[in-house]
Amino acid sequence: MVPQTRSPESDTVILIDISFDDYRFSLFDSSWTELSSEISCPACLCVGKFTRHGSYKKFYFASMIQILRVRCCGCRVTHALMPGFSLPGTTIGTEEAEKYLLARAAGVGRTTGSRRLRELGMDLEYPKKLDQMFVTAVARAKAIFPDVADPRLPEMEWVAAVVGSIDRPLWELNRFSLAHQYNCICFCRASIIRFKTLSAGNRSSHNKGSTSG
């Protein structure tokens, strides 16, 4: 199948904890079944029952990377196997975004905090956009999970209260969302998706078994 040039916006995301240096698509394509053998489908909770469903390309800063798509054999919902270094819904890296947002939460100014993002080619307006995206994501998370932490906490403190640390706040918040049958909150382009609990006996074609919330 010829790779698509952009992510299908209806695709949901499964996170794979792998670094950019270790990510070679040809190798990943041949070993993804082992890597995903203990991963649950966020839509139906079946473990490791995926089949290959093509691929697409996305930017990681100035580099173009290929992303594998899979379909769950239990509920037929499709997912992008997103390498952890690439932040969903953006062209930037998860670690770089987290370092910037942690610096901002610690009181560092936008210009100083975003130096690394500028070195990697992001424009001067992007840090402000990233700030706004994070505020929006956490506001949505607070609305979806109102009882997991005090909603009056500032964004980064709320994330820490929910996931137990802020070493990898975006990664951990996305994992928390997936574990609770929501698509990644940080920062998938599609509307927040809440999965129905589907099974092989209640199949859905593509992602129509999901509901936007």
N, C-alpha and C. Protein backbone atom coordinates (compact mmCIF):
# COMPACT_ATOMS: atom_id res chain seq x y z
N MET A 1 0.85 -1.20 0.00
CA MET A 1 0.00 0.00 0.00
C MET A 1 0.88 1.25 0.00
N VAL A 2 0.55 2.21 -0.84
CA VAL A 2 1.32 3.45 -0.91
C VAL A 2 1.03 4.29 0.32
N PRO A 3 2.05 4.73 1.06
CA PRO A 3 1.81 5.53 2.26
C PRO A 3 1.06 6.81 1.93
N GLN A 4 0.11 7.18 2.78
CA GLN A 4 -0.56 8.46 2.64
C GLN A 4 0.37 9.56 3.12
N THR A 5 0.11 10.78 2.67
CA THR A 5 1.00 11.88 3.01
C THR A 5 0.57 12.61 4.28
N ARG A 6 -0.57 12.26 4.84
CA ARG A 6 -0.99 12.88 6.08
C ARG A 6 -1.81 11.89 6.87
N SER A 7 -1.92 12.13 8.16
CA SER A 7 -2.67 11.22 9.02
C SER A 7 -4.16 11.29 8.72
N PRO A 8 -4.82 10.14 8.60
CA PRO A 8 -6.28 10.15 8.54
C PRO A 8 -6.81 10.67 9.87
N GLU A 9 -7.56 11.77 9.86
CA GLU A 9 -7.95 12.40 11.12
C GLU A 9 -8.86 11.53 11.97
N SER A 10 -9.52 10.54 11.32
CA SER A 10 -10.40 9.68 12.08
C SER A 10 -9.63 8.60 12.84
N ASP A 11 -8.36 8.41 12.50
CA ASP A 11 -7.57 7.40 13.19
C ASP A 11 -7.35 7.79 14.64
N THR A 12 -7.41 6.80 15.50
CA THR A 12 -7.02 7.00 16.88
C THR A 12 -5.58 6.54 17.05
N VAL A 13 -5.04 6.73 18.22
CA VAL A 13 -3.61 6.55 18.43
C VAL A 13 -3.34 5.51 19.50
N ILE A 14 -2.37 4.66 19.24
CA ILE A 14 -1.76 3.79 20.26
C ILE A 14 -0.31 4.21 20.36
N LEU A 15 0.16 4.45 21.58
CA LEU A 15 1.51 4.95 21.79
C LEU A 15 2.50 3.81 21.94
N ILE A 16 3.62 3.94 21.25
CA ILE A 16 4.72 2.97 21.34
C ILE A 16 5.93 3.71 21.91
N ASP A 17 6.45 3.24 23.02
CA ASP A 17 7.56 3.93 23.69
C ASP A 17 8.87 3.58 22.99
N ILE A 18 9.25 4.41 22.05
CA ILE A 18 10.47 4.20 21.28
C ILE A 18 11.08 5.55 20.96
N SER A 19 12.41 5.63 20.94
CA SER A 19 13.10 6.88 20.68
C SER A 19 13.30 7.09 19.18
N PHE A 20 13.58 8.32 18.81
CA PHE A 20 13.83 8.63 17.40
C PHE A 20 15.05 7.87 16.88
N ASP A 21 16.08 7.77 17.70
CA ASP A 21 17.30 7.08 17.27
C ASP A 21 17.06 5.59 17.02
N ASP A 22 16.09 5.01 17.71
CA ASP A 22 15.81 3.58 17.57
C ASP A 22 14.72 3.29 16.55
N TYR A 23 14.11 4.34 16.00
CA TYR A 23 12.96 4.14 15.12
C TYR A 23 13.39 4.09 13.66
N ARG A 24 13.33 2.91 13.11
CA ARG A 24 13.54 2.70 11.68
C ARG A 24 12.31 1.98 11.16
N PHE A 25 11.56 2.62 10.26
CA PHE A 25 10.25 2.09 9.93
C PHE A 25 10.31 0.67 9.38
N SER A 26 11.31 0.37 8.56
CA SER A 26 11.39 -0.98 8.00
C SER A 26 11.54 -2.02 9.09
N LEU A 27 12.35 -1.71 10.11
CA LEU A 27 12.51 -2.64 11.23
C LEU A 27 11.26 -2.68 12.09
N PHE A 28 10.67 -1.51 12.31
CA PHE A 28 9.45 -1.45 13.11
C PHE A 28 8.32 -2.22 12.44
N ASP A 29 8.24 -2.10 11.11
CA ASP A 29 7.20 -2.77 10.35
C ASP A 29 7.31 -4.30 10.45
N SER A 30 8.53 -4.77 10.66
CA SER A 30 8.72 -6.22 10.75
C SER A 30 8.62 -6.74 12.18
N SER A 31 8.61 -5.83 13.17
CA SER A 31 8.62 -6.27 14.56
C SER A 31 7.44 -5.73 15.38
N TRP A 32 6.52 -5.00 14.73
CA TRP A 32 5.46 -4.34 15.49
C TRP A 32 4.54 -5.33 16.19
N THR A 33 4.38 -6.54 15.65
CA THR A 33 3.49 -7.50 16.30
C THR A 33 4.00 -7.88 17.68
N GLU A 34 5.33 -8.02 17.80
CA GLU A 34 5.92 -8.32 19.11
C GLU A 34 5.80 -7.13 20.04
N LEU A 35 6.05 -5.93 19.52
CA LEU A 35 5.98 -4.74 20.34
C LEU A 35 4.58 -4.47 20.86
N SER A 36 3.56 -4.86 20.08
CA SER A 36 2.18 -4.58 20.45
C SER A 36 1.47 -5.77 21.06
N SER A 37 2.20 -6.85 21.35
CA SER A 37 1.57 -8.09 21.80
C SER A 37 0.89 -7.96 23.16
N GLU A 38 1.33 -6.99 23.97
CA GLU A 38 0.72 -6.81 25.29
C GLU A 38 -0.06 -5.51 25.40
N ILE A 39 -0.32 -4.88 24.25
CA ILE A 39 -1.04 -3.61 24.24
C ILE A 39 -2.53 -3.85 24.03
N SER A 40 -3.35 -3.17 24.82
CA SER A 40 -4.80 -3.29 24.69
C SER A 40 -5.33 -2.32 23.64
N CYS A 41 -6.30 -2.76 22.87
CA CYS A 41 -7.03 -1.85 22.00
C CYS A 41 -7.85 -0.93 22.89
N PRO A 42 -7.70 0.39 22.77
CA PRO A 42 -8.46 1.28 23.64
C PRO A 42 -9.96 1.26 23.38
N ALA A 43 -10.37 0.73 22.23
CA ALA A 43 -11.79 0.69 21.90
C ALA A 43 -12.51 -0.49 22.52
N CYS A 44 -11.89 -1.68 22.47
CA CYS A 44 -12.59 -2.88 22.96
C CYS A 44 -11.82 -3.62 24.05
N LEU A 45 -10.60 -3.17 24.34
CA LEU A 45 -9.76 -3.72 25.40
C LEU A 45 -9.16 -5.10 25.07
N CYS A 46 -9.35 -5.59 23.84
CA CYS A 46 -8.66 -6.81 23.43
C CYS A 46 -7.16 -6.55 23.43
N VAL A 47 -6.38 -7.55 23.80
CA VAL A 47 -4.93 -7.38 23.92
C VAL A 47 -4.22 -8.03 22.73
N GLY A 48 -3.42 -7.23 22.02
CA GLY A 48 -2.52 -7.74 21.00
C GLY A 48 -3.18 -8.37 19.79
N LYS A 49 -4.41 -8.01 19.50
CA LYS A 49 -5.12 -8.62 18.37
C LYS A 49 -5.24 -7.61 17.22
N PHE A 50 -4.11 -7.26 16.62
CA PHE A 50 -4.09 -6.26 15.57
C PHE A 50 -3.61 -6.85 14.26
N THR A 51 -4.06 -6.24 13.17
CA THR A 51 -3.56 -6.60 11.85
C THR A 51 -3.10 -5.33 11.15
N ARG A 52 -2.13 -5.45 10.29
CA ARG A 52 -1.58 -4.29 9.58
C ARG A 52 -2.65 -3.66 8.70
N HIS A 53 -2.68 -2.32 8.67
CA HIS A 53 -3.71 -1.61 7.91
C HIS A 53 -3.12 -0.41 7.16
N GLY A 54 -1.90 -0.56 6.67
CA GLY A 54 -1.30 0.50 5.88
C GLY A 54 -0.41 1.42 6.69
N SER A 55 -0.10 2.57 6.11
CA SER A 55 0.78 3.52 6.78
C SER A 55 0.56 4.90 6.17
N TYR A 56 1.10 5.90 6.83
CA TYR A 56 1.08 7.26 6.31
C TYR A 56 2.34 7.97 6.77
N LYS A 57 2.59 9.15 6.25
CA LYS A 57 3.76 9.92 6.63
C LYS A 57 3.36 11.18 7.37
N LYS A 58 4.22 11.57 8.32
CA LYS A 58 4.01 12.82 9.04
C LYS A 58 5.37 13.44 9.32
N PHE A 59 5.35 14.74 9.58
CA PHE A 59 6.59 15.44 9.91
C PHE A 59 6.94 15.23 11.39
N TYR A 60 8.22 15.09 11.63
CA TYR A 60 8.80 15.19 12.97
C TYR A 60 9.85 16.28 12.85
N PHE A 61 9.50 17.51 13.25
CA PHE A 61 10.29 18.69 12.94
C PHE A 61 10.51 18.72 11.42
N ALA A 62 11.74 18.77 10.93
CA ALA A 62 11.96 18.85 9.48
C ALA A 62 12.04 17.48 8.81
N SER A 63 12.03 16.43 9.62
CA SER A 63 12.13 15.08 9.07
C SER A 63 10.74 14.52 8.76
N MET A 64 10.67 13.66 7.76
CA MET A 64 9.44 12.96 7.45
C MET A 64 9.57 11.54 7.98
N ILE A 65 8.62 11.12 8.79
CA ILE A 65 8.64 9.76 9.32
C ILE A 65 7.39 9.02 8.86
N GLN A 66 7.48 7.72 8.82
CA GLN A 66 6.37 6.88 8.41
C GLN A 66 5.72 6.26 9.64
N ILE A 67 4.39 6.27 9.65
CA ILE A 67 3.62 5.78 10.78
C ILE A 67 2.79 4.58 10.33
N LEU A 68 2.86 3.51 11.08
CA LEU A 68 2.10 2.31 10.76
C LEU A 68 0.68 2.41 11.31
N ARG A 69 -0.27 1.96 10.51
CA ARG A 69 -1.66 1.88 10.96
C ARG A 69 -2.03 0.41 11.13
N VAL A 70 -2.80 0.13 12.18
CA VAL A 70 -3.27 -1.22 12.43
C VAL A 70 -4.77 -1.20 12.66
N ARG A 71 -5.38 -2.36 12.51
CA ARG A 71 -6.80 -2.51 12.81
C ARG A 71 -6.96 -3.60 13.84
N CYS A 72 -7.80 -3.35 14.84
CA CYS A 72 -8.08 -4.35 15.85
C CYS A 72 -8.97 -5.44 15.25
N CYS A 73 -8.58 -6.69 15.43
CA CYS A 73 -9.37 -7.80 14.91
C CYS A 73 -10.64 -8.02 15.72
N GLY A 74 -10.67 -7.48 16.94
CA GLY A 74 -11.85 -7.65 17.77
C GLY A 74 -12.98 -6.71 17.41
N CYS A 75 -12.66 -5.41 17.24
CA CYS A 75 -13.71 -4.42 17.00
C CYS A 75 -13.57 -3.69 15.68
N ARG A 76 -12.47 -3.91 14.97
CA ARG A 76 -12.20 -3.34 13.65
C ARG A 76 -11.97 -1.83 13.66
N VAL A 77 -11.69 -1.28 14.82
CA VAL A 77 -11.29 0.12 14.90
C VAL A 77 -9.83 0.24 14.47
N THR A 78 -9.50 1.27 13.70
CA THR A 78 -8.13 1.47 13.24
C THR A 78 -7.37 2.42 14.16
N HIS A 79 -6.07 2.18 14.27
CA HIS A 79 -5.22 2.97 15.14
C HIS A 79 -3.89 3.27 14.45
N ALA A 80 -3.32 4.42 14.72
CA ALA A 80 -1.95 4.72 14.31
C ALA A 80 -1.02 4.34 15.45
N LEU A 81 0.01 3.54 15.14
CA LEU A 81 1.01 3.20 16.15
C LEU A 81 2.03 4.34 16.20
N MET A 82 1.79 5.27 17.11
CA MET A 82 2.57 6.50 17.17
C MET A 82 3.81 6.32 18.03
N PRO A 83 5.01 6.48 17.46
CA PRO A 83 6.22 6.38 18.29
C PRO A 83 6.24 7.50 19.32
N GLY A 84 6.65 7.15 20.53
CA GLY A 84 6.53 8.08 21.64
C GLY A 84 7.27 9.39 21.47
N PHE A 85 8.29 9.44 20.63
CA PHE A 85 9.04 10.68 20.45
C PHE A 85 8.26 11.71 19.65
N SER A 86 7.25 11.28 18.89
CA SER A 86 6.49 12.19 18.03
C SER A 86 5.16 12.52 18.70
N LEU A 87 4.93 13.79 18.96
CA LEU A 87 3.74 14.23 19.67
C LEU A 87 2.53 14.19 18.74
N PRO A 88 1.49 13.41 19.07
CA PRO A 88 0.32 13.32 18.18
C PRO A 88 -0.26 14.69 17.84
N GLY A 89 -0.71 14.82 16.60
CA GLY A 89 -1.38 16.04 16.18
C GLY A 89 -0.47 17.23 15.95
N THR A 90 0.85 17.01 16.03
CA THR A 90 1.81 18.10 15.84
C THR A 90 2.98 17.61 15.00
N THR A 91 3.86 18.53 14.66
CA THR A 91 5.09 18.16 13.96
C THR A 91 6.29 18.15 14.89
N ILE A 92 6.07 18.34 16.18
CA ILE A 92 7.19 18.47 17.10
C ILE A 92 7.37 17.20 17.94
N GLY A 93 8.45 17.18 18.70
CA GLY A 93 8.76 16.04 19.54
C GLY A 93 8.10 16.14 20.90
N THR A 94 7.72 14.99 21.45
CA THR A 94 7.08 14.96 22.76
C THR A 94 8.02 15.50 23.84
N GLU A 95 9.26 15.05 23.84
CA GLU A 95 10.21 15.48 24.87
C GLU A 95 10.47 16.98 24.80
N GLU A 96 10.62 17.51 23.60
CA GLU A 96 10.89 18.94 23.44
C GLU A 96 9.70 19.77 23.92
N ALA A 97 8.50 19.31 23.60
CA ALA A 97 7.31 20.02 24.06
C ALA A 97 7.19 19.96 25.58
N GLU A 98 7.48 18.80 26.14
CA GLU A 98 7.39 18.66 27.60
C GLU A 98 8.40 19.55 28.31
N LYS A 99 9.61 19.61 27.81
CA LYS A 99 10.63 20.45 28.45
C LYS A 99 10.21 21.92 28.41
N TYR A 100 9.64 22.33 27.29
CA TYR A 100 9.18 23.71 27.18
C TYR A 100 8.04 23.98 28.18
N LEU A 101 7.05 23.10 28.22
CA LEU A 101 5.90 23.32 29.09
C LEU A 101 6.28 23.23 30.57
N LEU A 102 7.23 22.37 30.91
CA LEU A 102 7.70 22.30 32.29
C LEU A 102 8.45 23.58 32.68
N ALA A 103 9.22 24.11 31.74
CA ALA A 103 9.92 25.37 32.00
C ALA A 103 8.92 26.50 32.21
N ARG A 104 7.88 26.53 31.39
CA ARG A 104 6.85 27.56 31.54
C ARG A 104 6.15 27.43 32.88
N ALA A 105 5.86 26.19 33.29
CA ALA A 105 5.20 25.98 34.58
C ALA A 105 6.08 26.41 35.74
N ALA A 106 7.40 26.38 35.53
CA ALA A 106 8.35 26.79 36.57
C ALA A 106 8.60 28.29 36.54
N GLY A 107 7.94 29.01 35.64
CA GLY A 107 8.06 30.46 35.59
C GLY A 107 9.03 31.00 34.57
N VAL A 108 9.58 30.14 33.73
CA VAL A 108 10.51 30.59 32.69
C VAL A 108 9.73 31.30 31.60
N GLY A 109 10.28 32.37 31.08
CA GLY A 109 9.62 33.13 30.02
C GLY A 109 9.52 32.34 28.72
N ARG A 110 8.57 32.75 27.89
CA ARG A 110 8.32 32.03 26.65
C ARG A 110 9.54 32.05 25.73
N THR A 111 10.20 33.17 25.60
CA THR A 111 11.35 33.26 24.70
C THR A 111 12.49 32.37 25.16
N THR A 112 12.80 32.43 26.45
CA THR A 112 13.88 31.60 26.98
C THR A 112 13.52 30.12 26.92
N GLY A 113 12.31 29.80 27.32
CA GLY A 113 11.89 28.41 27.37
C GLY A 113 11.81 27.73 26.02
N SER A 114 11.58 28.53 24.98
CA SER A 114 11.38 27.95 23.64
C SER A 114 12.64 27.96 22.79
N ARG A 115 13.79 28.22 23.38
CA ARG A 115 15.03 28.31 22.59
C ARG A 115 15.27 27.03 21.78
N ARG A 116 15.09 25.88 22.41
CA ARG A 116 15.34 24.61 21.70
C ARG A 116 14.35 24.42 20.55
N LEU A 117 13.11 24.80 20.74
CA LEU A 117 12.12 24.67 19.67
C LEU A 117 12.50 25.55 18.48
N ARG A 118 13.01 26.74 18.75
CA ARG A 118 13.44 27.62 17.66
C ARG A 118 14.65 27.03 16.94
N GLU A 119 15.58 26.45 17.72
CA GLU A 119 16.75 25.82 17.10
C GLU A 119 16.34 24.69 16.16
N LEU A 120 15.22 24.06 16.44
CA LEU A 120 14.73 22.96 15.62
C LEU A 120 13.80 23.42 14.50
N GLY A 121 13.71 24.73 14.33
CA GLY A 121 13.01 25.27 13.17
C GLY A 121 11.59 25.74 13.39
N MET A 122 11.10 25.75 14.64
CA MET A 122 9.74 26.22 14.88
C MET A 122 9.72 27.74 14.87
N ASP A 123 8.61 28.30 14.37
CA ASP A 123 8.54 29.75 14.24
C ASP A 123 8.30 30.40 15.60
N LEU A 124 8.42 31.72 15.61
CA LEU A 124 8.36 32.45 16.87
C LEU A 124 7.00 32.38 17.54
N GLU A 125 5.94 32.15 16.76
CA GLU A 125 4.59 32.13 17.31
C GLU A 125 4.21 30.76 17.87
N TYR A 126 4.99 29.74 17.54
CA TYR A 126 4.58 28.39 17.92
C TYR A 126 4.52 28.17 19.44
N PRO A 127 5.47 28.65 20.23
CA PRO A 127 5.39 28.43 21.68
C PRO A 127 4.08 28.93 22.29
N LYS A 128 3.60 30.08 21.83
CA LYS A 128 2.31 30.58 22.33
C LYS A 128 1.20 29.62 21.98
N LYS A 129 1.23 29.08 20.77
CA LYS A 129 0.23 28.10 20.35
C LYS A 129 0.31 26.85 21.21
N LEU A 130 1.53 26.42 21.53
CA LEU A 130 1.72 25.24 22.35
C LEU A 130 1.17 25.47 23.76
N ASP A 131 1.41 26.65 24.32
CA ASP A 131 0.83 27.00 25.61
C ASP A 131 -0.69 26.85 25.58
N GLN A 132 -1.30 27.41 24.53
CA GLN A 132 -2.76 27.37 24.42
C GLN A 132 -3.27 25.94 24.23
N MET A 133 -2.56 25.14 23.45
CA MET A 133 -2.95 23.75 23.24
C MET A 133 -2.93 22.97 24.55
N PHE A 134 -1.92 23.23 25.38
CA PHE A 134 -1.82 22.53 26.65
C PHE A 134 -2.94 22.94 27.60
N VAL A 135 -3.22 24.23 27.66
CA VAL A 135 -4.32 24.70 28.51
C VAL A 135 -5.64 24.07 28.07
N THR A 136 -5.88 24.03 26.77
CA THR A 136 -7.11 23.43 26.25
C THR A 136 -7.18 21.94 26.55
N ALA A 137 -6.05 21.24 26.36
CA ALA A 137 -6.02 19.80 26.61
C ALA A 137 -6.33 19.48 28.06
N VAL A 138 -5.71 20.22 28.98
CA VAL A 138 -5.93 19.94 30.40
C VAL A 138 -7.35 20.32 30.80
N ALA A 139 -7.89 21.39 30.23
CA ALA A 139 -9.28 21.76 30.52
C ALA A 139 -10.23 20.64 30.09
N ARG A 140 -9.96 20.07 28.93
CA ARG A 140 -10.78 18.95 28.47
C ARG A 140 -10.62 17.74 29.38
N ALA A 141 -9.38 17.47 29.78
CA ALA A 141 -9.13 16.34 30.67
C ALA A 141 -9.83 16.53 32.01
N LYS A 142 -9.82 17.74 32.53
CA LYS A 142 -10.51 18.01 33.79
C LYS A 142 -12.01 17.77 33.65
N ALA A 143 -12.56 18.13 32.50
CA ALA A 143 -14.00 17.93 32.27
C ALA A 143 -14.33 16.44 32.12
N ILE A 144 -13.44 15.70 31.45
CA ILE A 144 -13.68 14.28 31.22
C ILE A 144 -13.47 13.47 32.49
N PHE A 145 -12.45 13.85 33.28
CA PHE A 145 -12.11 13.11 34.50
C PHE A 145 -12.22 14.05 35.71
N PRO A 146 -13.42 14.45 36.07
CA PRO A 146 -13.57 15.50 37.09
C PRO A 146 -13.18 15.08 38.50
N ASP A 147 -13.09 13.78 38.76
CA ASP A 147 -12.88 13.32 40.13
C ASP A 147 -11.48 12.78 40.40
N VAL A 148 -10.59 12.85 39.42
CA VAL A 148 -9.27 12.22 39.61
C VAL A 148 -8.29 13.14 40.33
N ALA A 149 -8.55 14.43 40.34
CA ALA A 149 -7.68 15.40 41.02
C ALA A 149 -8.46 16.70 41.19
N ASP A 150 -7.95 17.56 42.04
CA ASP A 150 -8.60 18.85 42.31
C ASP A 150 -8.58 19.71 41.04
N PRO A 151 -9.72 20.01 40.45
CA PRO A 151 -9.74 20.79 39.21
C PRO A 151 -9.25 22.22 39.36
N ARG A 152 -9.09 22.67 40.59
CA ARG A 152 -8.60 24.04 40.81
C ARG A 152 -7.09 24.14 40.66
N LEU A 153 -6.42 23.00 40.59
CA LEU A 153 -4.96 23.01 40.43
C LEU A 153 -4.57 23.60 39.08
N PRO A 154 -3.43 24.30 39.01
CA PRO A 154 -2.90 24.72 37.71
C PRO A 154 -2.62 23.52 36.82
N GLU A 155 -2.49 23.76 35.53
CA GLU A 155 -2.44 22.67 34.56
C GLU A 155 -1.39 21.61 34.89
N MET A 156 -0.14 22.01 35.06
CA MET A 156 0.92 21.04 35.27
C MET A 156 0.78 20.33 36.61
N GLU A 157 0.32 21.05 37.62
CA GLU A 157 0.12 20.43 38.93
C GLU A 157 -1.02 19.41 38.86
N TRP A 158 -2.03 19.72 38.07
CA TRP A 158 -3.14 18.78 37.92
C TRP A 158 -2.66 17.50 37.24
N VAL A 159 -1.87 17.64 36.19
CA VAL A 159 -1.33 16.47 35.49
C VAL A 159 -0.50 15.62 36.45
N ALA A 160 0.35 16.28 37.25
CA ALA A 160 1.18 15.54 38.21
C ALA A 160 0.32 14.78 39.21
N ALA A 161 -0.76 15.39 39.66
CA ALA A 161 -1.65 14.74 40.62
C ALA A 161 -2.33 13.52 40.00
N VAL A 162 -2.60 13.59 38.72
CA VAL A 162 -3.29 12.49 38.04
C VAL A 162 -2.36 11.34 37.73
N VAL A 163 -1.18 11.63 37.18
CA VAL A 163 -0.30 10.56 36.70
C VAL A 163 0.81 10.21 37.68
N GLY A 164 0.96 10.99 38.74
CA GLY A 164 1.93 10.66 39.77
C GLY A 164 3.28 11.32 39.65
N SER A 165 3.55 11.96 38.50
CA SER A 165 4.82 12.67 38.31
C SER A 165 4.66 13.59 37.12
N ILE A 166 5.67 14.42 36.90
CA ILE A 166 5.67 15.26 35.69
C ILE A 166 6.96 15.06 34.91
N ASP A 167 7.55 13.88 35.05
CA ASP A 167 8.74 13.58 34.25
C ASP A 167 8.40 13.57 32.76
N ARG A 168 7.23 13.01 32.42
CA ARG A 168 6.78 12.92 31.02
C ARG A 168 5.29 13.28 30.98
N PRO A 169 4.95 14.53 31.24
CA PRO A 169 3.54 14.89 31.45
C PRO A 169 2.62 14.61 30.26
N LEU A 170 3.04 14.95 29.04
CA LEU A 170 2.18 14.73 27.88
C LEU A 170 2.03 13.25 27.59
N TRP A 171 3.14 12.54 27.63
CA TRP A 171 3.13 11.09 27.40
C TRP A 171 2.23 10.39 28.42
N GLU A 172 2.41 10.72 29.70
CA GLU A 172 1.64 10.04 30.74
C GLU A 172 0.16 10.42 30.70
N LEU A 173 -0.16 11.67 30.39
CA LEU A 173 -1.57 12.06 30.30
C LEU A 173 -2.23 11.36 29.12
N ASN A 174 -1.51 11.22 28.01
CA ASN A 174 -2.07 10.49 26.88
C ASN A 174 -2.26 9.01 27.23
N ARG A 175 -1.31 8.42 27.91
CA ARG A 175 -1.46 7.02 28.32
C ARG A 175 -2.64 6.86 29.28
N PHE A 176 -2.82 7.80 30.18
CA PHE A 176 -3.94 7.77 31.11
C PHE A 176 -5.26 7.81 30.34
N SER A 177 -5.32 8.68 29.33
CA SER A 177 -6.54 8.79 28.52
C SER A 177 -6.84 7.49 27.80
N LEU A 178 -5.84 6.91 27.17
CA LEU A 178 -6.04 5.65 26.45
C LEU A 178 -6.47 4.53 27.40
N ALA A 179 -5.88 4.49 28.58
CA ALA A 179 -6.23 3.45 29.55
C ALA A 179 -7.68 3.57 30.01
N HIS A 180 -8.23 4.77 29.90
CA HIS A 180 -9.62 5.00 30.29
C HIS A 180 -10.55 5.13 29.08
N GLN A 181 -10.09 4.59 27.94
CA GLN A 181 -10.89 4.49 26.71
C GLN A 181 -11.26 5.84 26.11
N TYR A 182 -10.30 6.76 26.16
CA TYR A 182 -10.40 8.01 25.41
C TYR A 182 -9.18 8.10 24.50
N ASN A 183 -9.36 8.73 23.34
CA ASN A 183 -8.21 8.96 22.48
C ASN A 183 -7.25 9.95 23.15
N CYS A 184 -6.02 10.01 22.67
CA CYS A 184 -5.01 10.89 23.27
C CYS A 184 -5.52 12.33 23.34
N ILE A 185 -5.43 12.92 24.51
CA ILE A 185 -5.87 14.30 24.71
C ILE A 185 -4.84 15.29 24.21
N CYS A 186 -3.56 14.95 24.28
CA CYS A 186 -2.47 15.81 23.83
C CYS A 186 -1.83 15.22 22.57
N PHE A 187 -2.02 15.74 21.42
CA PHE A 187 -2.90 16.80 20.95
C PHE A 187 -3.56 16.35 19.66
N CYS A 188 -4.24 15.22 19.68
CA CYS A 188 -4.84 14.68 18.46
C CYS A 188 -5.74 15.72 17.79
N ARG A 189 -5.68 15.77 16.45
CA ARG A 189 -6.46 16.75 15.71
C ARG A 189 -7.95 16.51 15.82
N ALA A 190 -8.35 15.24 15.86
CA ALA A 190 -9.77 14.91 15.91
C ALA A 190 -10.35 15.35 17.25
N SER A 191 -11.67 15.51 17.28
CA SER A 191 -12.35 15.79 18.54
C SER A 191 -12.05 14.68 19.53
N ILE A 192 -12.15 14.99 20.80
CA ILE A 192 -11.91 13.97 21.81
C ILE A 192 -12.86 12.80 21.56
N ILE A 193 -12.30 11.62 21.48
CA ILE A 193 -13.09 10.43 21.18
C ILE A 193 -13.20 9.55 22.41
N ARG A 194 -14.42 9.24 22.76
CA ARG A 194 -14.67 8.27 23.84
C ARG A 194 -15.11 6.98 23.18
N PHE A 195 -14.42 5.91 23.50
CA PHE A 195 -14.74 4.63 22.89
C PHE A 195 -15.86 3.93 23.63
N LYS A 196 -16.77 3.36 22.88
CA LYS A 196 -17.66 2.39 23.47
C LYS A 196 -16.87 1.11 23.68
N THR A 197 -17.26 0.32 24.64
CA THR A 197 -16.59 -0.97 24.84
C THR A 197 -17.16 -1.94 23.83
N LEU A 198 -16.38 -2.17 22.77
CA LEU A 198 -16.82 -3.03 21.68
C LEU A 198 -16.22 -4.41 21.84
N SER A 199 -16.83 -5.37 21.23
CA SER A 199 -16.31 -6.73 21.25
C SER A 199 -16.43 -7.33 19.87
N ALA A 200 -15.87 -8.50 19.68
CA ALA A 200 -15.94 -9.15 18.38
C ALA A 200 -17.37 -9.43 17.98
N GLY A 201 -18.26 -9.55 18.96
CA GLY A 201 -19.66 -9.80 18.65
C GLY A 201 -20.44 -8.54 18.38
N ASN A 202 -19.81 -7.40 18.53
CA ASN A 202 -20.48 -6.12 18.30
C ASN A 202 -19.53 -5.24 17.52
N ARG A 203 -19.23 -5.66 16.30
CA ARG A 203 -18.17 -5.04 15.52
C ARG A 203 -18.61 -3.72 14.91
N SER A 204 -17.61 -2.92 14.66
CA SER A 204 -17.83 -1.61 14.04
C SER A 204 -16.87 -1.46 12.89
N SER A 205 -17.33 -0.93 11.78
CA SER A 205 -16.43 -0.70 10.66
C SER A 205 -15.66 0.58 10.87
N HIS A 206 -14.37 0.55 10.56
CA HIS A 206 -13.47 1.67 10.74
C HIS A 206 -13.62 2.23 12.15
N ASN A 207 -13.86 3.53 12.32
CA ASN A 207 -13.97 4.11 13.66
C ASN A 207 -15.38 4.54 14.01
N LYS A 208 -16.37 3.97 13.36
CA LYS A 208 -17.74 4.39 13.64
C LYS A 208 -18.25 3.87 14.97
N GLY A 209 -17.45 3.04 15.62
CA GLY A 209 -17.82 2.57 16.95
C GLY A 209 -17.40 3.53 18.04
N SER A 210 -16.85 4.67 17.65
CA SER A 210 -16.40 5.67 18.60
C SER A 210 -17.41 6.80 18.63
N THR A 211 -17.46 7.47 19.73
CA THR A 211 -18.32 8.64 19.82
C THR A 211 -17.51 9.83 20.24
N SER A 212 -17.76 10.96 19.64
CA SER A 212 -17.04 12.18 20.01
C SER A 212 -17.67 12.76 21.25
N GLY A 213 -16.79 13.20 22.17
CA GLY A 213 -17.30 13.76 23.40
C GLY A 213 -16.75 15.15 23.61
